Amino acid sequence: MQRRPGSRLLAVNVVVGALSGADPESLDFAMQLVAADSDWPGAKVHIRGEPLALQCRACGHAFETRKFELACPKCASLDVEVTGGRDLRLESLEVQEVDA
């Protein structure tokens, strides 16, 4: 990826889901190393964790958990479906236009 003339990358915003398999601290470290050795050495890396999202198949209740407590808090059923928290995604880039 090359730098676009007239712009400067300020920040990279990444979302790390609880089930993504990525370690946020390791990812942050690696991205900081890549940024330092790129055309954007001053770019910040912001990583946001996303909890595990579940929906109970028994009662339909949707809920989130950060501690992997899988029982539905409404009916205590363990028959749940994962509905979120699996992704590792680039959420956005913050770019500043620079006057020439």
Protein backbone atom coordinates (compact mmCIF):
# COMPACT_ATOMS: atom_id res chain seq x y z
CA MET A 1 0.00 0.00 0.00
CA GLN A 2 1.48 3.32 -0.98
CA ARG A 3 0.92 6.72 0.50
CA ARG A 4 -1.59 8.87 -1.35
CA PRO A 5 -0.09 12.29 -2.18
CA GLY A 6 -1.75 15.09 -0.24
CA SER A 7 -2.88 12.93 2.66
CA ARG A 8 -1.55 11.55 5.92
CA LEU A 9 -2.72 8.45 7.77
CA LEU A 10 -3.52 9.35 11.37
CA ALA A 11 -4.99 6.13 12.75
CA VAL A 12 -6.02 2.57 11.97
CA ASN A 13 -9.07 1.27 13.87
CA VAL A 14 -9.37 -2.50 14.24
CA VAL A 15 -12.02 -4.66 15.92
CA VAL A 16 -10.98 -7.98 17.49
CA GLY A 17 -13.77 -10.38 18.34
CA ALA A 18 -13.53 -12.65 21.37
CA LEU A 19 -13.61 -15.74 19.09
CA SER A 20 -11.44 -14.31 16.30
CA GLY A 21 -8.36 -16.22 17.41
CA ALA A 22 -6.30 -13.02 17.47
CA ASP A 23 -4.58 -11.77 20.59
CA PRO A 24 -5.19 -8.00 20.83
CA GLU A 25 -1.85 -7.30 22.53
CA SER A 26 0.15 -9.26 19.94
CA LEU A 27 -1.79 -7.65 17.11
CA ASP A 28 -1.17 -4.17 18.54
CA PHE A 29 2.56 -4.88 18.86
CA ALA A 30 2.81 -6.21 15.29
CA MET A 31 0.82 -3.33 13.81
CA GLN A 32 2.97 -0.76 15.63
CA LEU A 33 6.09 -2.39 14.12
CA VAL A 34 4.58 -2.34 10.63
CA ALA A 35 3.47 1.29 10.97
CA ALA A 36 6.92 2.40 12.18
CA ASP A 37 8.56 0.91 9.08
CA SER A 38 6.02 2.29 6.59
CA ASP A 39 5.15 5.51 4.82
CA TRP A 40 3.02 6.32 7.91
CA PRO A 41 5.38 6.14 10.91
CA GLY A 42 3.20 8.42 13.07
CA ALA A 43 -0.04 6.49 12.55
CA LYS A 44 -1.76 5.28 15.70
CA VAL A 45 -3.30 1.84 16.00
CA HIS A 46 -6.55 1.57 17.96
CA ILE A 47 -7.81 -1.91 18.79
CA ARG A 48 -11.29 -2.44 20.20
CA GLY A 49 -12.36 -5.77 21.66
CA GLU A 50 -15.76 -7.16 20.72
CA PRO A 51 -17.50 -9.50 23.18
CA LEU A 52 -19.00 -12.84 22.30
CA ALA A 53 -22.63 -12.33 21.23
CA LEU A 54 -25.10 -15.18 21.66
CA GLN A 55 -28.77 -15.89 21.12
CA CYS A 56 -30.66 -18.48 23.08
CA ARG A 57 -32.46 -20.99 20.87
CA ALA A 58 -34.85 -21.90 23.69
CA CYS A 59 -36.27 -18.46 24.51
CA GLY A 60 -34.78 -16.18 21.82
CA HIS A 61 -32.96 -13.90 24.29
CA ALA A 62 -29.88 -12.20 22.79
CA PHE A 63 -26.95 -11.46 25.11
CA GLU A 64 -23.22 -10.74 25.23
CA THR A 65 -20.51 -12.19 27.44
CA ARG A 66 -16.85 -11.35 27.97
CA LYS A 67 -16.28 -14.30 30.31
CA PHE A 68 -17.60 -17.03 27.99
CA GLU A 69 -20.56 -17.73 30.27
CA LEU A 70 -22.71 -19.59 27.77
CA ALA A 71 -25.88 -20.18 29.79
CA CYS A 72 -28.75 -17.88 28.86
CA PRO A 73 -29.20 -15.34 31.67
CA LYS A 74 -32.98 -15.37 31.10
CA CYS A 75 -33.81 -19.11 31.06
CA ALA A 76 -30.44 -20.82 31.88
CA SER A 77 -30.50 -22.88 28.66
CA LEU A 78 -27.16 -23.87 27.15
CA ASP A 79 -28.71 -24.18 23.68
CA VAL A 80 -27.21 -20.97 22.27
CA GLU A 81 -26.04 -19.77 18.88
CA VAL A 82 -23.01 -17.52 18.32
CA THR A 83 -24.17 -14.33 16.56
CA GLY A 84 -21.10 -12.12 16.93
CA GLY A 85 -17.57 -11.80 18.20
CA ARG A 86 -15.88 -13.98 15.58
CA ASP A 87 -14.48 -11.20 13.40
CA LEU A 88 -11.12 -9.55 13.05
CA ARG A 89 -11.77 -6.52 10.90
CA LEU A 90 -10.46 -3.17 9.85
CA GLU A 91 -13.18 -0.82 11.04
CA SER A 92 -11.84 2.46 9.68
CA LEU A 93 -8.87 4.57 8.70
CA GLU A 94 -8.46 8.16 9.85
CA VAL A 95 -6.85 10.24 7.11
CA GLN A 96 -5.96 13.90 7.08
CA GLU A 97 -5.75 15.85 3.84
CA VAL A 98 -2.49 17.81 3.75
CA ASP A 99 -2.21 21.07 1.83
CA ALA A 100 0.49 20.92 -0.83
